[in-house]
Amino acid sequence: MKICVTSEGKTLDSRVDPRFGRCRNFIFFDTKTGDFEAQENTNAQFQGGAGIQSAQLVASNQVKAVLTGDVGPNAFQTLQAAGIVVFTGAAGSVKEAIEKYKKGGFTAVSGPSVVSHSGKQEMKK
């Protein structure tokens, strides 16, 4: 089964990025083979709609689950509509989050864990 983990880097030793829509990278991991692919999240730079665009990118990679720190309402709705199960509260390394997932250490969420635009950086004056 293919899962997605939000990541600050492009390896399994990278830290989990706590943001979904504006995470730096996505790690697409196959739980059967252990193969993975890192993809930069180019949607993080958008002024608006980053959550939806990121969720669509993840859905286009045919994943069944997402592991992340937090997920906003627009991203959650888009992932849910695509049939993707969302797990929040992921922390530590990507590898640690995957191991916790494999052991059943996460509980799927039934809604967003943060309000809209929570991951947006404040504009500097």
Protein backbone atom coordinates (compact mmCIF):
# COMPACT_ATOMS: atom_id res chain seq x y z
CA MET A 1 0.00 0.00 0.00
CA LYS A 2 1.24 3.47 -0.82
CA ILE A 3 1.23 6.14 1.88
CA CYS A 4 2.38 9.77 2.00
CA VAL A 5 4.33 11.47 4.79
CA THR A 6 4.88 15.23 4.93
CA SER A 7 8.59 15.87 5.28
CA GLU A 8 11.12 18.65 5.81
CA GLY A 9 13.66 16.78 3.65
CA LYS A 10 13.86 14.11 0.98
CA THR A 11 15.02 11.05 2.93
CA LEU A 12 13.45 8.68 5.44
CA ASP A 13 15.70 10.22 8.10
CA SER A 14 14.20 13.68 7.49
CA ARG A 15 11.91 15.21 10.09
CA VAL A 16 8.15 15.04 9.57
CA ASP A 17 6.92 18.46 8.47
CA PRO A 18 4.04 19.38 10.81
CA ARG A 19 2.17 21.21 8.03
CA PHE A 20 0.30 19.46 5.26
CA GLY A 21 -0.52 22.06 2.60
CA ARG A 22 2.70 24.00 3.00
CA CYS A 23 5.06 21.16 3.85
CA ARG A 24 8.43 21.25 2.08
CA ASN A 25 8.26 17.73 0.61
CA PHE A 26 6.09 14.66 0.31
CA ILE A 27 7.56 11.21 0.82
CA PHE A 28 5.56 8.55 -1.05
CA PHE A 29 6.29 5.21 0.61
CA ASP A 30 5.24 1.70 -0.45
CA THR A 31 4.58 -0.31 2.73
CA LYS A 32 4.96 -3.63 0.88
CA THR A 33 8.26 -3.03 -0.87
CA GLY A 34 9.86 -0.29 1.26
CA ASP A 35 10.48 1.77 -1.88
CA PHE A 36 9.98 5.51 -1.60
CA GLU A 37 10.04 8.65 -3.69
CA ALA A 38 10.45 12.23 -2.47
CA GLN A 39 8.68 15.06 -4.23
CA GLU A 40 9.05 18.76 -3.49
CA ASN A 41 5.78 20.47 -2.63
CA THR A 42 5.71 23.32 -5.12
CA ASN A 43 2.22 24.25 -3.88
CA ALA A 44 3.67 25.65 -0.62
CA GLN A 45 4.50 28.92 -2.37
CA PHE A 46 0.91 29.74 -3.37
CA GLN A 47 -0.81 32.68 -1.67
CA GLY A 48 -4.03 30.66 -1.32
CA GLY A 49 -5.25 27.17 -2.06
CA ALA A 50 -2.05 25.39 -0.98
CA GLY A 51 -3.98 22.78 1.00
CA ILE A 52 -6.29 21.88 -1.85
CA GLN A 53 -3.50 21.83 -4.44
CA SER A 54 -1.29 19.71 -2.18
CA ALA A 55 -4.13 17.28 -1.51
CA GLN A 56 -4.75 16.94 -5.25
CA LEU A 57 -1.06 16.25 -5.82
CA VAL A 58 -1.08 13.56 -3.14
CA ALA A 59 -4.28 12.01 -4.54
CA SER A 60 -2.74 11.88 -8.03
CA ASN A 61 -0.07 9.55 -6.59
CA GLN A 62 -2.70 6.94 -5.65
CA VAL A 63 -1.94 6.91 -1.92
CA LYS A 64 -4.29 5.33 0.61
CA ALA A 65 -3.16 7.25 3.71
CA VAL A 66 -1.44 10.49 4.73
CA LEU A 67 0.72 10.95 7.83
CA THR A 68 1.24 14.57 8.88
CA GLY A 69 1.39 16.83 11.90
CA ASP A 70 -1.77 18.80 11.14
CA VAL A 71 -4.24 19.20 8.29
CA GLY A 72 -6.59 22.10 7.54
CA PRO A 73 -10.24 21.89 6.50
CA ASN A 74 -9.80 22.38 2.74
CA ALA A 75 -7.01 19.83 2.46
CA PHE A 76 -8.91 17.39 4.68
CA GLN A 77 -12.05 17.64 2.53
CA THR A 78 -10.07 17.12 -0.66
CA LEU A 79 -8.20 14.10 0.74
CA GLN A 80 -11.40 12.61 2.15
CA ALA A 81 -13.18 13.04 -1.20
CA ALA A 82 -10.31 11.10 -2.82
CA GLY A 83 -10.78 8.24 -0.32
CA ILE A 84 -7.49 8.95 1.49
CA VAL A 85 -7.36 8.28 5.23
CA VAL A 86 -5.67 11.07 7.22
CA PHE A 87 -3.55 10.55 10.33
CA THR A 88 -2.35 13.62 12.25
CA GLY A 89 0.08 13.97 15.13
CA ALA A 90 3.03 12.50 13.21
CA ALA A 91 6.40 13.69 14.55
CA GLY A 92 10.04 12.66 14.63
CA SER A 93 11.63 11.23 11.52
CA VAL A 94 9.70 10.02 8.49
CA LYS A 95 11.04 6.53 9.20
CA GLU A 96 9.73 6.66 12.80
CA ALA A 97 6.30 7.84 11.61
CA ILE A 98 6.10 5.01 9.08
CA GLU A 99 7.05 2.42 11.71
CA LYS A 100 4.43 3.82 14.11
CA TYR A 101 1.85 3.64 11.30
CA LYS A 102 2.74 0.02 10.50
CA LYS A 103 2.26 -0.89 14.18
CA GLY A 104 -1.18 0.75 14.29
CA GLY A 105 0.05 3.64 16.42
CA PHE A 106 -2.08 6.31 14.74
CA THR A 107 -5.83 6.87 14.77
CA ALA A 108 -7.49 8.21 11.65
CA VAL A 109 -9.02 11.66 12.07
CA SER A 110 -12.58 12.47 11.11
CA GLY A 111 -11.96 16.15 10.48
CA PRO A 112 -9.30 18.85 10.22
CA SER A 113 -6.89 19.34 13.11
CA VAL A 114 -6.36 23.09 12.53
CA VAL A 115 -8.29 26.03 11.11
CA SER A 116 -7.86 27.38 7.58
CA HIS A 117 -4.54 29.03 6.71
CA SER A 118 -2.78 27.71 9.82
CA GLY A 119 0.41 26.88 7.94
CA LYS A 120 0.64 30.20 6.13
CA GLN A 121 3.70 32.24 6.98
CA GLU A 122 3.08 35.78 8.16
CA MET A 123 4.05 38.44 5.67
CA LYS A 124 7.02 40.53 6.80
CA LYS A 125 6.52 44.29 6.83
